[in-house]
């Protein structure tokens, strides 16, 4: 089941089911963007030597991809968060990893904590990515690109 909406000039969707091929979908709709891997399996991830050789780097707790192409392999597990932009983004000290909140959801109908949703939107607007992807209890995609959200909704 997919829920969609709009908030703060972003379109969003929440899926209770895993979104298939989210890594390939992300790359296909964000060619030459930088993927900021903020959360991997609930925490930060440092690039391996092999990933560094492929162009990945890190700044503090954030791992940055090279410009996205079909050759880039995005490491992902469960409880991951990605921020995508055509430039390097700045993250506030002590930023929240919302995917770690059990059942995190953006749908008002979910009964999820509205204060936590407000914190999410405040942080997202401050970081200002083109797209945010969360893989967790729910898969969440938030984007300024309405066509991306419609595509995922139609094809998931």
N, C-alpha and C. Protein backbone atom coordinates (compact mmCIF):
# COMPACT_ATOMS: atom_id res chain seq x y z
N UNK A 1 0.84 -1.19 0.00
CA UNK A 1 0.00 0.00 0.00
C UNK A 1 0.88 1.25 0.00
N UNK A 2 0.60 2.15 -0.91
CA UNK A 2 1.38 3.38 -1.03
C UNK A 2 0.49 4.57 -0.69
N UNK A 3 1.04 5.47 0.13
CA UNK A 3 0.39 6.74 0.45
C UNK A 3 1.26 7.84 -0.14
N UNK A 4 0.64 8.90 -0.63
CA UNK A 4 1.38 10.02 -1.19
C UNK A 4 0.86 11.33 -0.62
N UNK A 5 1.66 12.38 -0.77
CA UNK A 5 1.24 13.69 -0.32
C UNK A 5 2.23 14.75 -0.75
N UNK A 6 2.02 15.94 -0.26
CA UNK A 6 2.92 17.07 -0.53
C UNK A 6 3.07 17.88 0.75
N UNK A 7 4.28 18.33 0.99
CA UNK A 7 4.57 19.17 2.15
C UNK A 7 5.86 19.94 1.89
N UNK A 8 5.87 21.20 2.26
CA UNK A 8 7.08 22.02 2.15
C UNK A 8 7.71 21.98 0.76
N UNK A 9 6.92 22.07 -0.28
CA UNK A 9 7.41 22.04 -1.66
C UNK A 9 8.06 20.71 -2.05
N UNK A 10 7.77 19.67 -1.31
CA UNK A 10 8.23 18.31 -1.61
C UNK A 10 7.03 17.40 -1.80
N UNK A 11 7.16 16.51 -2.74
CA UNK A 11 6.18 15.45 -2.94
C UNK A 11 6.73 14.22 -2.22
N UNK A 12 5.87 13.42 -1.65
CA UNK A 12 6.36 12.26 -0.91
C UNK A 12 5.48 11.05 -1.13
N UNK A 13 6.10 9.89 -0.87
CA UNK A 13 5.35 8.64 -0.85
C UNK A 13 5.92 7.75 0.24
N UNK A 14 5.02 6.96 0.79
CA UNK A 14 5.38 5.97 1.81
C UNK A 14 4.82 4.64 1.34
N UNK A 15 5.66 3.63 1.35
CA UNK A 15 5.23 2.29 0.98
C UNK A 15 5.45 1.35 2.15
N UNK A 16 4.43 0.61 2.52
CA UNK A 16 4.56 -0.40 3.56
C UNK A 16 5.37 -1.58 3.04
N UNK A 17 5.43 -1.74 1.73
CA UNK A 17 6.19 -2.83 1.12
C UNK A 17 7.51 -2.28 0.59
N UNK A 18 8.47 -3.16 0.48
CA UNK A 18 9.77 -2.77 -0.06
C UNK A 18 9.62 -2.31 -1.51
N UNK A 19 10.21 -1.17 -1.83
CA UNK A 19 10.21 -0.68 -3.21
C UNK A 19 11.28 -1.45 -3.98
N UNK A 20 10.89 -2.15 -5.05
CA UNK A 20 11.87 -2.96 -5.79
C UNK A 20 12.90 -2.10 -6.51
N UNK A 21 14.14 -2.57 -6.50
CA UNK A 21 15.25 -1.93 -7.22
C UNK A 21 15.38 -0.45 -6.91
N UNK A 22 15.25 -0.09 -5.64
CA UNK A 22 15.31 1.33 -5.27
C UNK A 22 16.67 1.93 -5.63
N UNK A 23 17.73 1.13 -5.60
CA UNK A 23 19.05 1.66 -5.97
C UNK A 23 19.10 2.02 -7.45
N UNK A 24 18.62 1.13 -8.31
CA UNK A 24 18.62 1.41 -9.75
C UNK A 24 17.67 2.56 -10.09
N UNK A 25 16.51 2.57 -9.46
CA UNK A 25 15.53 3.64 -9.67
C UNK A 25 16.13 4.99 -9.28
N UNK A 26 16.83 5.02 -8.15
CA UNK A 26 17.46 6.26 -7.69
C UNK A 26 18.49 6.75 -8.70
N UNK A 27 19.33 5.86 -9.16
CA UNK A 27 20.35 6.25 -10.14
C UNK A 27 19.70 6.72 -11.44
N UNK A 28 18.73 5.98 -11.95
CA UNK A 28 18.09 6.33 -13.22
C UNK A 28 17.45 7.71 -13.20
N UNK A 29 16.95 8.15 -12.06
CA UNK A 29 16.28 9.45 -11.97
C UNK A 29 17.17 10.55 -11.41
N UNK A 30 18.43 10.23 -11.15
CA UNK A 30 19.36 11.23 -10.58
C UNK A 30 20.74 11.12 -11.22
N UNK A 31 20.80 10.98 -12.52
CA UNK A 31 22.08 10.89 -13.22
C UNK A 31 22.95 12.11 -12.89
N UNK A 32 24.20 11.83 -12.59
CA UNK A 32 25.22 12.83 -12.26
C UNK A 32 24.97 13.56 -10.94
N UNK A 33 23.99 13.13 -10.17
CA UNK A 33 23.78 13.68 -8.83
C UNK A 33 24.74 13.02 -7.86
N UNK A 34 24.88 13.61 -6.69
CA UNK A 34 25.67 13.04 -5.60
C UNK A 34 24.70 12.41 -4.61
N UNK A 35 24.96 11.16 -4.27
CA UNK A 35 24.18 10.49 -3.24
C UNK A 35 24.93 10.64 -1.93
N UNK A 36 24.26 11.21 -0.94
CA UNK A 36 24.82 11.40 0.39
C UNK A 36 24.26 10.27 1.26
N UNK A 37 25.08 9.28 1.54
CA UNK A 37 24.64 8.14 2.32
C UNK A 37 24.79 8.53 3.80
N UNK A 38 23.67 8.92 4.40
CA UNK A 38 23.70 9.43 5.78
C UNK A 38 23.52 8.32 6.81
N UNK A 39 22.80 7.27 6.42
CA UNK A 39 22.55 6.16 7.34
C UNK A 39 22.63 4.86 6.57
N UNK A 40 23.41 3.92 7.11
CA UNK A 40 23.55 2.59 6.53
C UNK A 40 23.35 1.60 7.66
N UNK A 41 22.30 0.78 7.56
CA UNK A 41 22.01 -0.21 8.59
C UNK A 41 21.96 0.45 9.97
N UNK A 42 21.28 1.59 10.04
CA UNK A 42 21.00 2.36 11.27
C UNK A 42 22.11 3.31 11.72
N UNK A 43 23.24 3.35 11.05
CA UNK A 43 24.30 4.25 11.48
C UNK A 43 25.15 4.73 10.33
N UNK A 44 26.28 5.38 10.63
CA UNK A 44 27.15 5.88 9.57
C UNK A 44 27.93 4.73 8.93
N UNK A 45 28.46 5.00 7.75
CA UNK A 45 29.28 4.04 7.02
C UNK A 45 30.48 4.78 6.45
N UNK A 46 31.65 4.21 6.63
CA UNK A 46 32.86 4.77 6.01
C UNK A 46 33.14 3.97 4.74
N UNK A 47 33.60 4.64 3.69
CA UNK A 47 33.87 3.92 2.44
C UNK A 47 35.05 2.95 2.60
N UNK A 48 34.91 1.80 1.97
CA UNK A 48 36.00 0.83 1.93
C UNK A 48 37.06 1.31 0.93
N UNK A 49 38.21 0.65 0.93
CA UNK A 49 39.25 1.01 -0.04
C UNK A 49 38.73 0.87 -1.46
N UNK A 50 37.95 -0.19 -1.71
CA UNK A 50 37.39 -0.40 -3.05
C UNK A 50 36.43 0.73 -3.42
N UNK A 51 35.60 1.16 -2.47
CA UNK A 51 34.66 2.27 -2.74
C UNK A 51 35.41 3.58 -2.96
N UNK A 52 36.48 3.80 -2.21
CA UNK A 52 37.30 5.00 -2.42
C UNK A 52 37.88 5.00 -3.83
N UNK A 53 38.34 3.84 -4.28
CA UNK A 53 38.86 3.72 -5.64
C UNK A 53 37.79 3.97 -6.70
N UNK A 54 36.52 3.75 -6.34
CA UNK A 54 35.40 3.99 -7.25
C UNK A 54 34.88 5.43 -7.16
N UNK A 55 35.49 6.25 -6.29
CA UNK A 55 35.12 7.66 -6.21
C UNK A 55 34.30 8.06 -5.00
N UNK A 56 33.99 7.10 -4.13
CA UNK A 56 33.27 7.44 -2.90
C UNK A 56 34.21 8.16 -1.93
N UNK A 57 33.64 9.02 -1.09
CA UNK A 57 34.43 9.71 -0.06
C UNK A 57 33.55 9.92 1.15
N UNK A 58 34.11 10.49 2.19
CA UNK A 58 33.34 10.74 3.41
C UNK A 58 33.71 12.08 3.99
N UNK A 59 32.74 12.68 4.65
CA UNK A 59 32.94 13.91 5.41
C UNK A 59 32.21 13.70 6.73
N UNK A 60 32.95 13.47 7.79
CA UNK A 60 32.30 13.14 9.05
C UNK A 60 31.55 11.82 8.93
N UNK A 61 30.29 11.82 9.27
CA UNK A 61 29.48 10.62 9.24
C UNK A 61 28.73 10.43 7.92
N UNK A 62 28.99 11.28 6.95
CA UNK A 62 28.29 11.20 5.67
C UNK A 62 29.23 10.65 4.60
N UNK A 63 28.76 9.64 3.88
CA UNK A 63 29.52 9.07 2.77
C UNK A 63 28.94 9.63 1.47
N UNK A 64 29.81 10.08 0.55
CA UNK A 64 29.39 10.72 -0.68
C UNK A 64 29.76 9.86 -1.88
N UNK A 65 28.82 9.74 -2.80
CA UNK A 65 29.08 8.98 -4.03
C UNK A 65 29.81 9.85 -5.04
N UNK A 66 30.42 9.20 -6.02
CA UNK A 66 30.83 9.95 -7.20
C UNK A 66 29.55 10.33 -7.95
N UNK A 67 29.62 11.16 -8.98
CA UNK A 67 28.41 11.45 -9.76
C UNK A 67 27.74 10.15 -10.22
N UNK A 68 26.45 10.04 -9.99
CA UNK A 68 25.73 8.79 -10.24
C UNK A 68 25.64 8.46 -11.72
N UNK A 69 26.03 7.23 -12.02
CA UNK A 69 25.87 6.62 -13.34
C UNK A 69 25.43 5.18 -13.09
N UNK A 70 25.13 4.47 -14.15
CA UNK A 70 24.74 3.06 -14.00
C UNK A 70 25.86 2.19 -13.47
N UNK A 71 27.09 2.69 -13.49
CA UNK A 71 28.24 1.92 -13.00
C UNK A 71 28.43 2.06 -11.49
N UNK A 72 27.78 3.04 -10.87
CA UNK A 72 27.93 3.25 -9.43
C UNK A 72 27.09 2.21 -8.69
N UNK A 73 27.73 1.56 -7.74
CA UNK A 73 27.02 0.60 -6.88
C UNK A 73 26.74 1.29 -5.55
N UNK A 74 25.46 1.39 -5.22
CA UNK A 74 25.06 2.03 -3.96
C UNK A 74 24.99 0.95 -2.88
N UNK A 75 25.80 1.08 -1.82
CA UNK A 75 25.69 0.12 -0.74
C UNK A 75 24.38 0.38 0.02
N UNK A 76 23.62 -0.68 0.22
CA UNK A 76 22.44 -0.52 1.05
C UNK A 76 22.09 -1.80 1.77
N UNK A 77 21.41 -1.64 2.86
CA UNK A 77 21.07 -2.74 3.74
C UNK A 77 19.62 -2.51 4.15
N UNK A 78 19.39 -2.46 5.43
CA UNK A 78 18.09 -2.07 5.98
C UNK A 78 18.36 -0.85 6.85
N UNK A 79 17.37 -0.01 6.98
CA UNK A 79 17.48 1.20 7.80
C UNK A 79 18.58 2.11 7.26
N UNK A 80 18.37 2.51 6.00
CA UNK A 80 19.29 3.40 5.29
C UNK A 80 18.58 4.71 4.96
N UNK A 81 19.37 5.78 4.84
CA UNK A 81 18.85 7.08 4.40
C UNK A 81 19.82 7.68 3.40
N UNK A 82 19.25 8.13 2.28
CA UNK A 82 20.02 8.77 1.23
C UNK A 82 19.45 10.16 0.97
N UNK A 83 20.34 11.10 0.74
CA UNK A 83 19.97 12.45 0.32
C UNK A 83 20.64 12.68 -1.02
N UNK A 84 19.90 13.14 -2.01
CA UNK A 84 20.45 13.33 -3.35
C UNK A 84 20.39 14.80 -3.75
N UNK A 85 21.48 15.26 -4.35
CA UNK A 85 21.56 16.65 -4.79
C UNK A 85 22.60 16.74 -5.90
N UNK A 86 22.52 17.79 -6.70
CA UNK A 86 23.54 17.97 -7.73
C UNK A 86 24.77 18.68 -7.19
N UNK A 87 24.76 19.04 -5.91
CA UNK A 87 25.92 19.61 -5.23
C UNK A 87 26.07 18.93 -3.87
N UNK A 88 27.22 19.12 -3.26
CA UNK A 88 27.45 18.56 -1.93
C UNK A 88 26.59 19.32 -0.92
N UNK A 89 25.89 18.57 -0.07
CA UNK A 89 25.00 19.16 0.93
C UNK A 89 25.71 19.31 2.26
N UNK A 90 25.20 20.22 3.09
CA UNK A 90 25.69 20.38 4.46
C UNK A 90 24.69 19.75 5.41
N UNK A 91 25.19 18.99 6.36
CA UNK A 91 24.35 18.34 7.36
C UNK A 91 24.62 18.97 8.71
N UNK A 92 23.55 19.26 9.47
CA UNK A 92 23.76 19.85 10.79
C UNK A 92 24.41 18.85 11.74
N UNK A 93 25.18 19.35 12.70
CA UNK A 93 25.73 18.47 13.73
C UNK A 93 24.58 17.80 14.46
N UNK A 94 24.72 16.51 14.70
CA UNK A 94 23.69 15.79 15.44
C UNK A 94 22.39 15.63 14.69
N UNK A 95 22.46 15.56 13.35
CA UNK A 95 21.23 15.41 12.58
C UNK A 95 20.54 14.10 12.96
N UNK A 96 19.22 14.09 12.83
CA UNK A 96 18.43 12.92 13.17
C UNK A 96 18.44 11.90 12.05
N UNK A 97 18.50 10.64 12.43
CA UNK A 97 18.35 9.52 11.50
C UNK A 97 16.93 8.99 11.69
N UNK A 98 16.01 9.51 10.92
CA UNK A 98 14.59 9.21 11.14
C UNK A 98 14.23 7.77 10.84
N UNK A 99 14.99 7.13 9.98
CA UNK A 99 14.71 5.74 9.64
C UNK A 99 14.84 4.83 10.88
N UNK A 100 15.54 5.30 11.90
CA UNK A 100 15.71 4.50 13.11
C UNK A 100 14.53 4.57 14.06
N UNK A 101 13.58 5.47 13.80
CA UNK A 101 12.37 5.52 14.62
C UNK A 101 11.42 4.44 14.10
N UNK A 102 11.11 3.50 14.95
CA UNK A 102 10.28 2.36 14.55
C UNK A 102 9.00 2.82 13.86
N UNK A 103 8.81 2.33 12.63
CA UNK A 103 7.60 2.64 11.88
C UNK A 103 7.52 4.05 11.34
N UNK A 104 8.64 4.77 11.29
CA UNK A 104 8.58 6.16 10.82
C UNK A 104 7.79 6.26 9.53
N UNK A 105 6.94 7.28 9.47
CA UNK A 105 5.96 7.41 8.40
C UNK A 105 5.63 8.89 8.22
N UNK A 106 5.26 9.29 7.03
CA UNK A 106 4.88 10.68 6.77
C UNK A 106 3.38 10.86 6.64
N UNK A 107 2.65 9.77 6.57
CA UNK A 107 1.21 9.84 6.37
C UNK A 107 0.50 10.23 7.66
N UNK A 108 -0.35 11.25 7.58
CA UNK A 108 -1.11 11.68 8.75
C UNK A 108 -2.05 10.57 9.22
N UNK A 109 -2.47 9.73 8.31
CA UNK A 109 -3.38 8.64 8.65
C UNK A 109 -2.69 7.52 9.41
N UNK A 110 -1.39 7.55 9.48
CA UNK A 110 -0.65 6.46 10.10
C UNK A 110 -0.73 6.50 11.62
N UNK A 111 -1.11 7.65 12.17
CA UNK A 111 -1.12 7.80 13.61
C UNK A 111 0.27 8.00 14.18
N UNK A 112 1.25 8.25 13.31
CA UNK A 112 2.62 8.42 13.78
C UNK A 112 2.80 9.79 14.41
N UNK A 113 3.75 9.91 15.26
CA UNK A 113 4.05 11.09 16.04
C UNK A 113 4.18 12.36 15.18
N UNK A 114 3.21 13.28 15.29
CA UNK A 114 3.28 14.50 14.45
C UNK A 114 4.46 15.40 14.81
N UNK A 115 4.91 15.37 16.06
CA UNK A 115 6.08 16.18 16.42
C UNK A 115 7.33 15.66 15.71
N UNK A 116 7.44 14.35 15.60
CA UNK A 116 8.58 13.77 14.90
C UNK A 116 8.51 14.07 13.41
N UNK A 117 7.31 14.05 12.85
CA UNK A 117 7.15 14.43 11.45
C UNK A 117 7.57 15.88 11.24
N UNK A 118 7.20 16.77 12.17
CA UNK A 118 7.58 18.18 12.07
C UNK A 118 9.10 18.33 12.13
N UNK A 119 9.76 17.56 13.00
CA UNK A 119 11.23 17.59 13.07
C UNK A 119 11.84 17.12 11.75
N UNK A 120 11.25 16.07 11.17
CA UNK A 120 11.74 15.57 9.88
C UNK A 120 11.70 16.67 8.83
N UNK A 121 10.53 17.32 8.71
CA UNK A 121 10.40 18.35 7.68
C UNK A 121 11.35 19.52 7.94
N UNK A 122 11.53 19.90 9.19
CA UNK A 122 12.44 21.00 9.52
C UNK A 122 13.86 20.65 9.09
N UNK A 123 14.29 19.42 9.41
CA UNK A 123 15.65 19.00 9.03
C UNK A 123 15.78 18.89 7.52
N UNK A 124 14.79 18.31 6.86
CA UNK A 124 14.86 18.13 5.41
C UNK A 124 14.96 19.48 4.70
N UNK A 125 14.15 20.42 5.10
CA UNK A 125 14.17 21.76 4.48
C UNK A 125 15.53 22.42 4.71
N UNK A 126 16.11 22.22 5.89
CA UNK A 126 17.42 22.81 6.19
C UNK A 126 18.51 22.19 5.31
N UNK A 127 18.49 20.87 5.15
CA UNK A 127 19.50 20.20 4.33
C UNK A 127 19.24 20.48 2.85
N UNK A 128 17.97 20.53 2.45
CA UNK A 128 17.53 20.94 1.12
C UNK A 128 18.02 20.03 -0.02
N UNK A 129 17.78 18.71 0.09
CA UNK A 129 18.14 17.85 -1.04
C UNK A 129 17.09 17.93 -2.13
N UNK A 130 17.43 17.43 -3.31
CA UNK A 130 16.43 17.24 -4.36
C UNK A 130 15.51 16.09 -3.96
N UNK A 131 16.12 15.01 -3.43
CA UNK A 131 15.38 13.80 -3.09
C UNK A 131 15.96 13.18 -1.82
N UNK A 132 15.07 12.60 -1.02
CA UNK A 132 15.43 11.84 0.18
C UNK A 132 14.83 10.45 0.02
N UNK A 133 15.61 9.42 0.34
CA UNK A 133 15.13 8.04 0.28
C UNK A 133 15.44 7.39 1.61
N UNK A 134 14.44 6.72 2.18
CA UNK A 134 14.63 5.96 3.41
C UNK A 134 14.17 4.53 3.18
N UNK A 135 14.99 3.60 3.60
CA UNK A 135 14.68 2.18 3.50
C UNK A 135 14.63 1.68 4.94
N UNK A 136 13.44 1.31 5.40
CA UNK A 136 13.30 0.88 6.78
C UNK A 136 12.01 0.12 6.98
N UNK A 137 11.36 0.36 8.12
CA UNK A 137 10.07 -0.27 8.36
C UNK A 137 9.10 0.08 7.24
N UNK A 138 9.21 1.30 6.76
CA UNK A 138 8.49 1.76 5.57
C UNK A 138 9.54 2.29 4.61
N UNK A 139 9.32 2.13 3.32
CA UNK A 139 10.18 2.79 2.34
C UNK A 139 9.56 4.15 2.04
N UNK A 140 10.39 5.18 2.09
CA UNK A 140 9.92 6.56 1.93
C UNK A 140 10.76 7.24 0.86
N UNK A 141 10.10 7.94 -0.05
CA UNK A 141 10.78 8.78 -1.04
C UNK A 141 10.14 10.16 -0.97
N UNK A 142 10.97 11.17 -0.81
CA UNK A 142 10.53 12.56 -0.76
C UNK A 142 11.33 13.30 -1.82
N UNK A 143 10.65 14.05 -2.70
CA UNK A 143 11.39 14.70 -3.78
C UNK A 143 10.71 16.00 -4.21
N UNK A 144 11.51 16.91 -4.71
CA UNK A 144 10.98 18.11 -5.35
C UNK A 144 10.43 17.77 -6.74
N UNK A 145 10.77 16.58 -7.22
CA UNK A 145 10.39 16.12 -8.55
C UNK A 145 9.09 15.32 -8.47
N UNK A 146 7.98 15.94 -8.79
CA UNK A 146 6.68 15.28 -8.72
C UNK A 146 6.62 14.08 -9.67
N UNK A 147 7.26 14.18 -10.83
CA UNK A 147 7.23 13.08 -11.80
C UNK A 147 7.87 11.81 -11.21
N UNK A 148 8.90 11.96 -10.40
CA UNK A 148 9.53 10.81 -9.77
C UNK A 148 8.55 10.10 -8.84
N UNK A 149 7.86 10.85 -8.03
CA UNK A 149 6.89 10.27 -7.09
C UNK A 149 5.76 9.58 -7.85
N UNK A 150 5.28 10.21 -8.90
CA UNK A 150 4.23 9.59 -9.72
C UNK A 150 4.73 8.31 -10.38
N UNK A 151 5.96 8.32 -10.86
CA UNK A 151 6.53 7.14 -11.51
C UNK A 151 6.60 5.98 -10.51
N UNK A 152 7.13 6.25 -9.33
CA UNK A 152 7.26 5.19 -8.32
C UNK A 152 5.88 4.68 -7.92
N UNK A 153 4.94 5.59 -7.70
CA UNK A 153 3.58 5.20 -7.30
C UNK A 153 2.94 4.28 -8.34
N UNK A 154 3.16 4.60 -9.59
CA UNK A 154 2.56 3.83 -10.68
C UNK A 154 3.23 2.47 -10.87
N UNK A 155 4.55 2.42 -10.63
CA UNK A 155 5.32 1.22 -10.98
C UNK A 155 5.73 0.35 -9.78
N UNK A 156 5.39 0.74 -8.59
CA UNK A 156 5.81 -0.05 -7.41
C UNK A 156 4.90 -1.25 -7.22
